[in-house]
C-alpha atoms as a PDB file:
ATOM      1  CA  UNK A   1       0.006  -0.022  -0.001  1.00  0.00           C
ATOM      2  CA  UNK A   2       1.163   3.475  -0.846  1.00  0.00           C
ATOM      3  CA  UNK A   3       0.174   5.766   1.980  1.00  0.00           C
ATOM      4  CA  UNK A   4      -0.720   8.817  -0.109  1.00  0.00           C
ATOM      5  CA  UNK A   5      -2.765   6.829  -2.700  1.00  0.00           C
ATOM      6  CA  UNK A   6      -6.495   7.439  -2.677  1.00  0.00           C
ATOM      7  CA  UNK A   7      -7.310   3.988  -4.063  1.00  0.00           C
ATOM      8  CA  UNK A   8      -5.002   2.298  -1.543  1.00  0.00           C
ATOM      9  CA  UNK A   9      -6.920   4.052   1.177  1.00  0.00           C
ATOM     10  CA  UNK A  10     -10.272   2.985  -0.197  1.00  0.00           C
ATOM     11  CA  UNK A  11      -9.084  -0.640  -0.695  1.00  0.00           C
ATOM     12  CA  UNK A  12      -7.695  -0.856   2.815  1.00  0.00           C
ATOM     13  CA  UNK A  13     -10.876   0.803   4.204  1.00  0.00           C
ATOM     14  CA  UNK A  14      -8.981   3.751   5.614  1.00  0.00           C
ATOM     15  CA  UNK A  15     -11.317   5.929   3.545  1.00  0.00           C
ATOM     16  CA  UNK A  16     -15.067   5.411   3.202  1.00  0.00           C
ATOM     17  CA  UNK A  17     -16.467   4.188  -0.060  1.00  0.00           C
ATOM     18  CA  UNK A  18     -19.588   2.178  -0.786  1.00  0.00           C
ATOM     19  CA  UNK A  19     -17.974  -1.052  -1.938  1.00  0.00           C
ATOM     20  CA  UNK A  20     -20.204  -2.955  -4.329  1.00  0.00           C
ATOM     21  CA  UNK A  21     -17.920  -6.002  -4.362  1.00  0.00           C
ATOM     22  CA  UNK A  22     -14.788  -7.085  -2.530  1.00  0.00           C
ATOM     23  CA  UNK A  23     -12.508 -10.070  -2.917  1.00  0.00           C
ATOM     24  CA  UNK A  24      -9.121 -10.863  -1.384  1.00  0.00           C
ATOM     25  CA  UNK A  25      -7.494  -9.047  -4.316  1.00  0.00           C
ATOM     26  CA  UNK A  26      -9.816  -6.214  -5.463  1.00  0.00           C
ATOM     27  CA  UNK A  27     -12.610  -3.789  -4.645  1.00  0.00           C
ATOM     28  CA  UNK A  28     -15.370  -2.338  -6.832  1.00  0.00           C
ATOM     29  CA  UNK A  29     -17.139   0.944  -6.333  1.00  0.00           C
ATOM     30  CA  UNK A  30     -18.958   3.657  -8.271  1.00  0.00           C
ATOM     31  CA  UNK A  31     -16.947   6.411  -9.980  1.00  0.00           C
ATOM     32  CA  UNK A  32     -17.669   9.772  -8.302  1.00  0.00           C
ATOM     33  CA  UNK A  33     -17.675  11.466 -11.724  1.00  0.00           C
ATOM     34  CA  UNK A  34     -19.684   8.988 -13.817  1.00  0.00           C
ATOM     35  CA  UNK A  35     -19.522   9.047 -17.629  1.00  0.00           C
ATOM     36  CA  UNK A  36     -22.560   6.758 -17.918  1.00  0.00           C
ATOM     37  CA  UNK A  37     -25.553   5.590 -15.924  1.00  0.00           C
ATOM     38  CA  UNK A  38     -23.360   2.717 -14.704  1.00  0.00           C
ATOM     39  CA  UNK A  39     -19.743   3.671 -14.114  1.00  0.00           C
ATOM     40  CA  UNK A  40     -17.810   1.321 -11.836  1.00  0.00           C
ATOM     41  CA  UNK A  41     -14.115   1.207 -10.915  1.00  0.00           C
ATOM     42  CA  UNK A  42     -12.349  -2.113 -10.397  1.00  0.00           C
ATOM     43  CA  UNK A  43      -9.276  -1.556  -8.229  1.00  0.00           C
ATOM     44  CA  UNK A  44      -6.669  -4.101  -7.186  1.00  0.00           C
ATOM     45  CA  UNK A  45      -5.825  -3.984  -3.452  1.00  0.00           C
ATOM     46  CA  UNK A  46      -2.120  -4.190  -4.274  1.00  0.00           C
ATOM     47  CA  UNK A  47      -0.695  -0.911  -5.437  1.00  0.00           C
ATOM     48  CA  UNK A  48       0.411  -1.029  -9.032  1.00  0.00           C
ATOM     49  CA  UNK A  49       0.952   2.429 -10.506  1.00  0.00           C
ATOM     50  CA  UNK A  50      -0.351   1.793 -14.035  1.00  0.00           C
ATOM     51  CA  UNK A  51      -0.516  -0.712 -16.868  1.00  0.00           C
ATOM     52  CA  UNK A  52       3.073   0.297 -17.624  1.00  0.00           C
ATOM     53  CA  UNK A  53       4.180  -1.033 -14.252  1.00  0.00           C
ATOM     54  CA  UNK A  54       2.623  -4.518 -14.615  1.00  0.00           C
ATOM     55  CA  UNK A  55       4.865  -7.556 -14.325  1.00  0.00           C
ATOM     56  CA  UNK A  56       4.352 -10.867 -16.061  1.00  0.00           C
ATOM     57  CA  UNK A  57       3.304 -12.362 -12.701  1.00  0.00           C
ATOM     58  CA  UNK A  58       0.423  -9.800 -12.421  1.00  0.00           C
ATOM     59  CA  UNK A  59      -1.730 -11.748 -14.899  1.00  0.00           C
ATOM     60  CA  UNK A  60      -4.039 -13.093 -12.173  1.00  0.00           C
ATOM     61  CA  UNK A  61      -4.784  -9.510 -11.061  1.00  0.00           C
ATOM     62  CA  UNK A  62      -6.020  -8.610 -14.563  1.00  0.00           C
ATOM     63  CA  UNK A  63      -7.946 -11.828 -14.789  1.00  0.00           C
ATOM     64  CA  UNK A  64      -9.620 -11.007 -11.494  1.00  0.00           C
ATOM     65  CA  UNK A  65     -10.620  -7.564 -12.713  1.00  0.00           C
ATOM     66  CA  UNK A  66     -12.214  -8.953 -15.869  1.00  0.00           C
ATOM     67  CA  UNK A  67     -14.160 -11.687 -14.073  1.00  0.00           C
ATOM     68  CA  UNK A  68     -15.336  -9.187 -11.447  1.00  0.00           C
ATOM     69  CA  UNK A  69     -16.548  -6.969 -14.297  1.00  0.00           C
ATOM     70  CA  UNK A  70     -18.445  -9.894 -15.811  1.00  0.00           C
ATOM     71  CA  UNK A  71     -20.139 -10.521 -12.435  1.00  0.00           C
ATOM     72  CA  UNK A  72     -20.944  -6.800 -11.875  1.00  0.00           C
ATOM     73  CA  UNK A  73     -22.365  -6.559 -15.399  1.00  0.00           C
ATOM     74  CA  UNK A  74     -24.951  -9.169 -14.473  1.00  0.00           C
ATOM     75  CA  UNK A  75     -25.656  -7.500 -11.110  1.00  0.00           C
ATOM     76  CA  UNK A  76     -26.204  -4.109 -12.721  1.00  0.00           C
ATOM     77  CA  UNK A  77     -28.040  -5.467 -15.808  1.00  0.00           C
ATOM     78  CA  UNK A  78     -25.623  -4.059 -18.363  1.00  0.00           C
ATOM     79  CA  UNK A  79     -24.735  -7.566 -19.510  1.00  0.00           C
ATOM     80  CA  UNK A  80     -27.927  -7.489 -21.608  1.00  0.00           C
ATOM     81  CA  UNK A  81     -27.590  -3.938 -22.994  1.00  0.00           C
ATOM     82  CA  UNK A  82     -23.827  -3.760 -23.410  1.00  0.00           C
ATOM     83  CA  UNK A  83     -20.927  -2.103 -21.685  1.00  0.00           C
ATOM     84  CA  UNK A  84     -17.321  -1.006 -22.144  1.00  0.00           C
ATOM     85  CA  UNK A  85     -14.233  -1.918 -20.140  1.00  0.00           C
ATOM     86  CA  UNK A  86     -11.144   0.244 -20.301  1.00  0.00           C
ATOM     87  CA  UNK A  87      -7.904   1.408 -18.644  1.00  0.00           C
ATOM     88  CA  UNK A  88      -6.542   4.932 -18.842  1.00  0.00           C
ATOM     89  CA  UNK A  89      -2.719   4.728 -18.954  1.00  0.00           C
ATOM     90  CA  UNK A  90      -0.517   7.592 -17.863  1.00  0.00           C
ATOM     91  CA  UNK A  91      -1.524  11.262 -17.862  1.00  0.00           C
ATOM     92  CA  UNK A  92      -1.647  11.501 -21.675  1.00  0.00           C
ATOM     93  CA  UNK A  93      -4.019   8.559 -21.718  1.00  0.00           C
ATOM     94  CA  UNK A  94      -6.351  10.143 -19.185  1.00  0.00           C
ATOM     95  CA  UNK A  95      -5.118   8.451 -16.007  1.00  0.00           C
ATOM     96  CA  UNK A  96      -5.789  10.760 -13.060  1.00  0.00           C
ATOM     97  CA  UNK A  97      -5.184   8.432 -10.121  1.00  0.00           C
ATOM     98  CA  UNK A  98      -1.919   6.534 -10.411  1.00  0.00           C
ATOM     99  CA  UNK A  99      -3.113   3.246  -9.053  1.00  0.00           C
ATOM    100  CA  UNK A 100      -4.081   0.679 -11.656  1.00  0.00           C
ATOM    101  CA  UNK A 101      -7.897   0.516 -12.152  1.00  0.00           C
ATOM    102  CA  UNK A 102     -10.355  -0.579 -14.789  1.00  0.00           C
ATOM    103  CA  UNK A 103     -13.526   1.311 -15.713  1.00  0.00           C
ATOM    104  CA  UNK A 104     -16.848  -0.276 -16.663  1.00  0.00           C
ATOM    105  CA  UNK A 105     -19.351   2.068 -18.334  1.00  0.00           C
ATOM    106  CA  UNK A 106     -22.806   1.235 -19.633  1.00  0.00           C
ATOM    107  CA  UNK A 107     -26.478   1.404 -18.883  1.00  0.00           C
ATOM    108  CA  UNK A 108     -27.522   3.663 -21.741  1.00  0.00           C
ATOM    109  CA  UNK A 109     -30.948   3.104 -23.263  1.00  0.00           C
ATOM    110  CA  UNK A 110     -30.752   0.987 -26.360  1.00  0.00           C
END
């Protein structure tokens, strides 16, 4: 855990957030500035700065994020209407919080 990292504080429950899902390795919560009716963040508990800092051994973390997204898509109903998963990488790619996280957006009327 990095002590000045917002997502580390949320994942370790040092900062309040309404967790929608939690496993041993990740937490899921709503984005505070949603881009869609459903906008969730999938955050590993272990601090990894960005996609650029991933190691080969971090594959299970990415797998966990994707399977958590699949589960949350069912829970939110976007599995039927469609959704998008994405990572912002580094400042030029839109990353604002430098702790690896994946976005899920969806829920628009079809």
